[in-house]
């Protein structure tokens, strides 16, 4: 098994870790209500995906 002969410097460690960035979440618009939603996920606003309605996907926090 390979073992490093020297300690990795801070600049090498930090430059290697600089590439680990979080990618922004991709958003598309819902074809039914034009609300932003994630692709391949049911719309949280109207609850539709691929022409079907899913009641479990709708937001319930603003409902009375």
PDB file of N, CA and C in Angstrom:
ATOM      1  N   UNK A   1       0.836  -1.184   0.000  1.00  0.00           N
ATOM      2  CA  UNK A   1       0.000   0.000   0.000  1.00  0.00           C
ATOM      3  C   UNK A   1       0.880   1.246   0.000  1.00  0.00           C
ATOM      4  N   UNK A   2       0.562   2.216  -0.826  1.00  0.00           N
ATOM      5  CA  UNK A   2       1.368   3.418  -0.946  1.00  0.00           C
ATOM      6  C   UNK A   2       1.126   4.348   0.243  1.00  0.00           C
ATOM      7  N   UNK A   3       2.223   4.873   0.787  1.00  0.00           N
ATOM      8  CA  UNK A   3       2.159   5.784   1.919  1.00  0.00           C
ATOM      9  C   UNK A   3       2.930   7.052   1.538  1.00  0.00           C
ATOM     10  N   UNK A   4       2.373   8.260   1.791  1.00  0.00           N
ATOM     11  CA  UNK A   4       3.107   9.472   1.426  1.00  0.00           C
ATOM     12  C   UNK A   4       4.380   9.640   2.252  1.00  0.00           C
ATOM     13  N   UNK A   5       5.438  10.095   1.586  1.00  0.00           N
ATOM     14  CA  UNK A   5       6.716  10.290   2.283  1.00  0.00           C
ATOM     15  C   UNK A   5       6.764  11.611   3.035  1.00  0.00           C
ATOM     16  N   UNK A   6       5.996  12.616   2.557  1.00  0.00           N
ATOM     17  CA  UNK A   6       6.032  13.936   3.175  1.00  0.00           C
ATOM     18  C   UNK A   6       4.611  14.394   3.491  1.00  0.00           C
ATOM     19  N   UNK A   7       4.539  15.327   4.442  1.00  0.00           N
ATOM     20  CA  UNK A   7       3.252  15.930   4.788  1.00  0.00           C
ATOM     21  C   UNK A   7       2.786  16.823   3.641  1.00  0.00           C
ATOM     22  N   UNK A   8       1.504  16.749   3.294  1.00  0.00           N
ATOM     23  CA  UNK A   8       0.954  17.596   2.241  1.00  0.00           C
ATOM     24  C   UNK A   8       0.810  19.019   2.780  1.00  0.00           C
ATOM     25  N   UNK A   9       1.315  19.984   2.013  1.00  0.00           N
ATOM     26  CA  UNK A   9       1.301  21.371   2.472  1.00  0.00           C
ATOM     27  C   UNK A   9      -0.121  21.925   2.519  1.00  0.00           C
ATOM     28  N   UNK A  10      -0.294  23.021   3.230  1.00  0.00           N
ATOM     29  CA  UNK A  10      -1.612  23.657   3.336  1.00  0.00           C
ATOM     30  C   UNK A  10      -2.101  24.147   1.982  1.00  0.00           C
ATOM     31  N   UNK A  11      -1.197  24.707   1.189  1.00  0.00           N
ATOM     32  CA  UNK A  11      -1.623  25.241  -0.111  1.00  0.00           C
ATOM     33  C   UNK A  11      -2.066  24.121  -1.045  1.00  0.00           C
ATOM     34  N   UNK A  12      -1.389  22.997  -1.017  1.00  0.00           N
ATOM     35  CA  UNK A  12      -1.814  21.865  -1.855  1.00  0.00           C
ATOM     36  C   UNK A  12      -3.145  21.305  -1.372  1.00  0.00           C
ATOM     37  N   UNK A  13      -3.304  21.199  -0.071  1.00  0.00           N
ATOM     38  CA  UNK A  13      -4.553  20.678   0.484  1.00  0.00           C
ATOM     39  C   UNK A  13      -5.713  21.602   0.152  1.00  0.00           C
ATOM     40  N   UNK A  14      -5.514  22.900   0.343  1.00  0.00           N
ATOM     41  CA  UNK A  14      -6.596  23.856   0.106  1.00  0.00           C
ATOM     42  C   UNK A  14      -6.913  24.014  -1.375  1.00  0.00           C
ATOM     43  N   UNK A  15      -5.895  23.948  -2.234  1.00  0.00           N
ATOM     44  CA  UNK A  15      -6.175  24.047  -3.666  1.00  0.00           C
ATOM     45  C   UNK A  15      -6.911  22.805  -4.159  1.00  0.00           C
ATOM     46  N   UNK A  16      -6.642  21.657  -3.562  1.00  0.00           N
ATOM     47  CA  UNK A  16      -7.380  20.440  -3.919  1.00  0.00           C
ATOM     48  C   UNK A  16      -8.830  20.538  -3.445  1.00  0.00           C
ATOM     49  N   UNK A  17      -9.044  21.059  -2.245  1.00  0.00           N
ATOM     50  CA  UNK A  17     -10.395  21.169  -1.703  1.00  0.00           C
ATOM     51  C   UNK A  17     -11.191  22.309  -2.321  1.00  0.00           C
ATOM     52  N   UNK A  18     -10.528  23.219  -3.031  1.00  0.00           N
ATOM     53  CA  UNK A  18     -11.221  24.358  -3.637  1.00  0.00           C
ATOM     54  C   UNK A  18     -12.183  23.923  -4.735  1.00  0.00           C
ATOM     55  N   UNK A  19     -11.997  22.725  -5.269  1.00  0.00           N
ATOM     56  CA  UNK A  19     -12.867  22.242  -6.346  1.00  0.00           C
ATOM     57  C   UNK A  19     -14.144  21.600  -5.837  1.00  0.00           C
ATOM     58  N   UNK A  20     -14.262  21.400  -4.531  1.00  0.00           N
ATOM     59  CA  UNK A  20     -15.462  20.791  -3.957  1.00  0.00           C
ATOM     60  C   UNK A  20     -16.494  21.873  -3.665  1.00  0.00           C
ATOM     61  N   UNK A  21     -17.176  22.331  -4.708  1.00  0.00           N
ATOM     62  CA  UNK A  21     -18.169  23.393  -4.559  1.00  0.00           C
ATOM     63  C   UNK A  21     -19.558  22.802  -4.717  1.00  0.00           C
ATOM     64  N   UNK A  22     -20.508  23.358  -4.014  1.00  0.00           N
ATOM     65  CA  UNK A  22     -21.897  22.935  -4.157  1.00  0.00           C
ATOM     66  C   UNK A  22     -22.480  23.547  -5.425  1.00  0.00           C
ATOM     67  N   UNK A  23     -23.148  22.731  -6.214  1.00  0.00           N
ATOM     68  CA  UNK A  23     -23.772  23.215  -7.451  1.00  0.00           C
ATOM     69  C   UNK A  23     -25.146  23.795  -7.118  1.00  0.00           C
ATOM     70  N   UNK A  24     -25.548  24.886  -7.765  1.00  0.00           N
ATOM     71  CA  UNK A  24     -26.881  25.430  -7.502  1.00  0.00           C
ATOM     72  C   UNK A  24     -27.967  24.469  -7.981  1.00  0.00           C
ATOM     73  N   UNK A  25     -29.100  24.507  -7.319  1.00  0.00           N
ATOM     74  CA  UNK A  25     -30.216  23.643  -7.664  1.00  0.00           C
ATOM     75  C   UNK A  25     -30.804  24.060  -9.003  1.00  0.00           C
ATOM     76  N   UNK A  26     -30.968  23.104  -9.901  1.00  0.00           N
ATOM     77  CA  UNK A  26     -31.555  23.394 -11.205  1.00  0.00           C
ATOM     78  C   UNK A  26     -33.063  23.562 -11.051  1.00  0.00           C
ATOM     79  N   UNK A  27     -33.610  24.613 -11.661  1.00  0.00           N
ATOM     80  CA  UNK A  27     -35.036  24.872 -11.597  1.00  0.00           C
ATOM     81  C   UNK A  27     -35.598  25.016 -13.001  1.00  0.00           C
ATOM     82  N   UNK A  28     -36.814  24.519 -13.191  1.00  0.00           N
ATOM     83  CA  UNK A  28     -37.560  24.711 -14.423  1.00  0.00           C
ATOM     84  C   UNK A  28     -38.907  25.306 -14.053  1.00  0.00           C
ATOM     85  N   UNK A  29     -39.684  25.691 -15.054  1.00  0.00           N
ATOM     86  CA  UNK A  29     -41.013  26.225 -14.770  1.00  0.00           C
ATOM     87  C   UNK A  29     -42.052  25.145 -15.006  1.00  0.00           C
ATOM     88  N   UNK A  30     -43.053  25.146 -14.181  1.00  0.00           N
ATOM     89  CA  UNK A  30     -44.151  24.190 -14.306  1.00  0.00           C
ATOM     90  C   UNK A  30     -44.976  24.560 -15.549  1.00  0.00           C
ATOM     91  N   UNK A  31     -45.297  23.603 -16.414  1.00  0.00           N
ATOM     92  CA  UNK A  31     -46.082  23.938 -17.606  1.00  0.00           C
ATOM     93  C   UNK A  31     -47.532  24.304 -17.286  1.00  0.00           C
ATOM     94  N   UNK A  32     -48.018  23.914 -16.112  1.00  0.00           N
ATOM     95  CA  UNK A  32     -49.415  24.200 -15.766  1.00  0.00           C
ATOM     96  C   UNK A  32     -49.579  25.539 -15.049  1.00  0.00           C
ATOM     97  N   UNK A  33     -48.751  25.783 -14.017  1.00  0.00           N
ATOM     98  CA  UNK A  33     -48.935  26.997 -13.205  1.00  0.00           C
ATOM     99  C   UNK A  33     -47.765  27.966 -13.320  1.00  0.00           C
ATOM    100  N   UNK A  34     -46.731  27.625 -14.070  1.00  0.00           N
ATOM    101  CA  UNK A  34     -45.540  28.462 -14.287  1.00  0.00           C
ATOM    102  C   UNK A  34     -44.771  28.781 -13.011  1.00  0.00           C
ATOM    103  N   UNK A  35     -44.916  27.973 -11.979  1.00  0.00           N
ATOM    104  CA  UNK A  35     -44.145  28.152 -10.748  1.00  0.00           C
ATOM    105  C   UNK A  35     -42.799  27.452 -10.905  1.00  0.00           C
ATOM    106  N   UNK A  36     -41.746  27.931 -10.248  1.00  0.00           N
ATOM    107  CA  UNK A  36     -40.462  27.238 -10.338  1.00  0.00           C
ATOM    108  C   UNK A  36     -40.511  25.907  -9.605  1.00  0.00           C
ATOM    109  N   UNK A  37     -39.932  24.893 -10.225  1.00  0.00           N
ATOM    110  CA  UNK A  37     -39.892  23.558  -9.622  1.00  0.00           C
ATOM    111  C   UNK A  37     -38.644  22.849 -10.087  1.00  0.00           C
ATOM    112  N   UNK A  38     -38.259  21.777  -9.382  1.00  0.00           N
ATOM    113  CA  UNK A  38     -37.111  20.985  -9.773  1.00  0.00           C
ATOM    114  C   UNK A  38     -37.513  20.045 -10.905  1.00  0.00           C
ATOM    115  N   UNK A  39     -36.602  19.774 -11.838  1.00  0.00           N
ATOM    116  CA  UNK A  39     -36.942  18.836 -12.900  1.00  0.00           C
ATOM    117  C   UNK A  39     -37.106  17.415 -12.358  1.00  0.00           C
ATOM    118  N   UNK A  40     -38.002  16.658 -12.954  1.00  0.00           N
ATOM    119  CA  UNK A  40     -38.306  15.267 -12.600  1.00  0.00           C
ATOM    120  C   UNK A  40     -38.912  15.139 -11.205  1.00  0.00           C
ATOM    121  N   UNK A  41     -39.516  16.211 -10.694  1.00  0.00           N
ATOM    122  CA  UNK A  41     -40.165  16.219  -9.386  1.00  0.00           C
ATOM    123  C   UNK A  41     -41.527  16.870  -9.564  1.00  0.00           C
ATOM    124  N   UNK A  42     -42.533  16.392  -8.834  1.00  0.00           N
ATOM    125  CA  UNK A  42     -43.865  16.985  -8.920  1.00  0.00           C
ATOM    126  C   UNK A  42     -43.824  18.431  -8.437  1.00  0.00           C
ATOM    127  N   UNK A  43     -44.644  19.279  -9.043  1.00  0.00           N
ATOM    128  CA  UNK A  43     -44.680  20.700  -8.708  1.00  0.00           C
ATOM    129  C   UNK A  43     -45.222  20.874  -7.292  1.00  0.00           C
ATOM    130  N   UNK A  44     -44.502  21.593  -6.416  1.00  0.00           N
ATOM    131  CA  UNK A  44     -45.010  21.791  -5.063  1.00  0.00           C
ATOM    132  C   UNK A  44     -46.171  22.760  -5.000  1.00  0.00           C
ATOM    133  N   UNK A  45     -46.386  23.544  -6.057  1.00  0.00           N
ATOM    134  CA  UNK A  45     -47.462  24.527  -6.053  1.00  0.00           C
ATOM    135  C   UNK A  45     -48.799  23.893  -6.443  1.00  0.00           C
ATOM    136  N   UNK A  46     -48.830  23.199  -7.581  1.00  0.00           N
ATOM    137  CA  UNK A  46     -50.093  22.633  -8.053  1.00  0.00           C
ATOM    138  C   UNK A  46     -50.153  21.110  -7.943  1.00  0.00           C
ATOM    139  N   UNK A  47     -49.019  20.445  -7.709  1.00  0.00           N
ATOM    140  CA  UNK A  47     -49.014  19.001  -7.495  1.00  0.00           C
ATOM    141  C   UNK A  47     -49.087  18.172  -8.757  1.00  0.00           C
ATOM    142  N   UNK A  48     -48.736  18.707  -9.913  1.00  0.00           N
ATOM    143  CA  UNK A  48     -48.789  17.927 -11.140  1.00  0.00           C
ATOM    144  C   UNK A  48     -47.389  17.528 -11.575  1.00  0.00           C
ATOM    145  N   UNK A  49     -47.317  16.380 -12.219  1.00  0.00           N
ATOM    146  CA  UNK A  49     -46.086  15.909 -12.832  1.00  0.00           C
ATOM    147  C   UNK A  49     -46.443  15.033 -14.005  1.00  0.00           C
ATOM    148  N   UNK A  50     -45.921  15.371 -15.166  1.00  0.00           N
ATOM    149  CA  UNK A  50     -46.115  14.597 -16.383  1.00  0.00           C
ATOM    150  C   UNK A  50     -47.603  14.428 -16.714  1.00  0.00           C
ATOM    151  N   UNK A  51     -48.382  15.488 -16.495  1.00  0.00           N
ATOM    152  CA  UNK A  51     -49.794  15.460 -16.823  1.00  0.00           C
ATOM    153  C   UNK A  51     -50.691  14.803 -15.794  1.00  0.00           C
ATOM    154  N   UNK A  52     -50.135  14.356 -14.682  1.00  0.00           N
ATOM    155  CA  UNK A  52     -50.921  13.711 -13.626  1.00  0.00           C
ATOM    156  C   UNK A  52     -50.906  14.580 -12.385  1.00  0.00           C
ATOM    157  N   UNK A  53     -51.944  14.459 -11.570  1.00  0.00           N
ATOM    158  CA  UNK A  53     -52.062  15.243 -10.343  1.00  0.00           C
ATOM    159  C   UNK A  53     -51.742  14.356  -9.146  1.00  0.00           C
ATOM    160  N   UNK A  54     -50.858  14.865  -8.288  1.00  0.00           N
ATOM    161  CA  UNK A  54     -50.472  14.165  -7.066  1.00  0.00           C
ATOM    162  C   UNK A  54     -50.794  15.075  -5.890  1.00  0.00           C
ATOM    163  N   UNK A  55     -51.807  14.704  -5.121  1.00  0.00           N
ATOM    164  CA  UNK A  55     -52.249  15.535  -4.003  1.00  0.00           C
ATOM    165  C   UNK A  55     -51.198  15.576  -2.890  1.00  0.00           C
ATOM    166  N   UNK A  56     -50.399  14.519  -2.746  1.00  0.00           N
ATOM    167  CA  UNK A  56     -49.389  14.476  -1.686  1.00  0.00           C
ATOM    168  C   UNK A  56     -48.263  15.473  -1.942  1.00  0.00           C
ATOM    169  N   UNK A  57     -48.070  15.879  -3.190  1.00  0.00           N
ATOM    170  CA  UNK A  57     -46.966  16.771  -3.534  1.00  0.00           C
ATOM    171  C   UNK A  57     -47.290  18.241  -3.286  1.00  0.00           C
ATOM    172  N   UNK A  58     -48.543  18.577  -3.085  1.00  0.00           N
ATOM    173  CA  UNK A  58     -48.923  19.980  -2.900  1.00  0.00           C
ATOM    174  C   UNK A  58     -48.495  20.477  -1.527  1.00  0.00           C
ATOM    175  N   UNK A  59     -48.128  21.746  -1.458  1.00  0.00           N
ATOM    176  CA  UNK A  59     -47.800  22.371  -0.181  1.00  0.00           C
ATOM    177  C   UNK A  59     -49.070  22.567   0.627  1.00  0.00           C
ATOM    178  N   UNK A  60     -48.993  22.317   1.918  1.00  0.00           N
ATOM    179  CA  UNK A  60     -50.168  22.475   2.779  1.00  0.00           C
ATOM    180  C   UNK A  60     -49.946  23.547   3.841  1.00  0.00           C
ATOM    181  N   UNK A  61     -48.815  24.246   3.807  1.00  0.00           N
ATOM    182  CA  UNK A  61     -48.501  25.189   4.867  1.00  0.00           C
ATOM    183  C   UNK A  61     -49.362  26.443   4.823  1.00  0.00           C
ATOM    184  N   UNK A  62     -49.868  26.838   3.651  1.00  0.00           N
ATOM    185  CA  UNK A  62     -50.680  28.049   3.538  1.00  0.00           C
ATOM    186  C   UNK A  62     -52.167  27.758   3.421  1.00  0.00           C
ATOM    187  N   UNK A  63     -52.545  26.521   3.561  1.00  0.00           N
ATOM    188  CA  UNK A  63     -53.965  26.160   3.462  1.00  0.00           C
ATOM    189  C   UNK A  63     -54.657  26.337   4.782  1.00  0.00           C
ATOM    190  N   UNK A  64     -55.919  26.732   4.744  1.00  0.00           N
ATOM    191  CA  UNK A  64     -56.670  26.915   5.993  1.00  0.00           C
ATOM    192  C   UNK A  64     -57.511  25.708   6.316  1.00  0.00           C
TER     193      UNK A  64
END
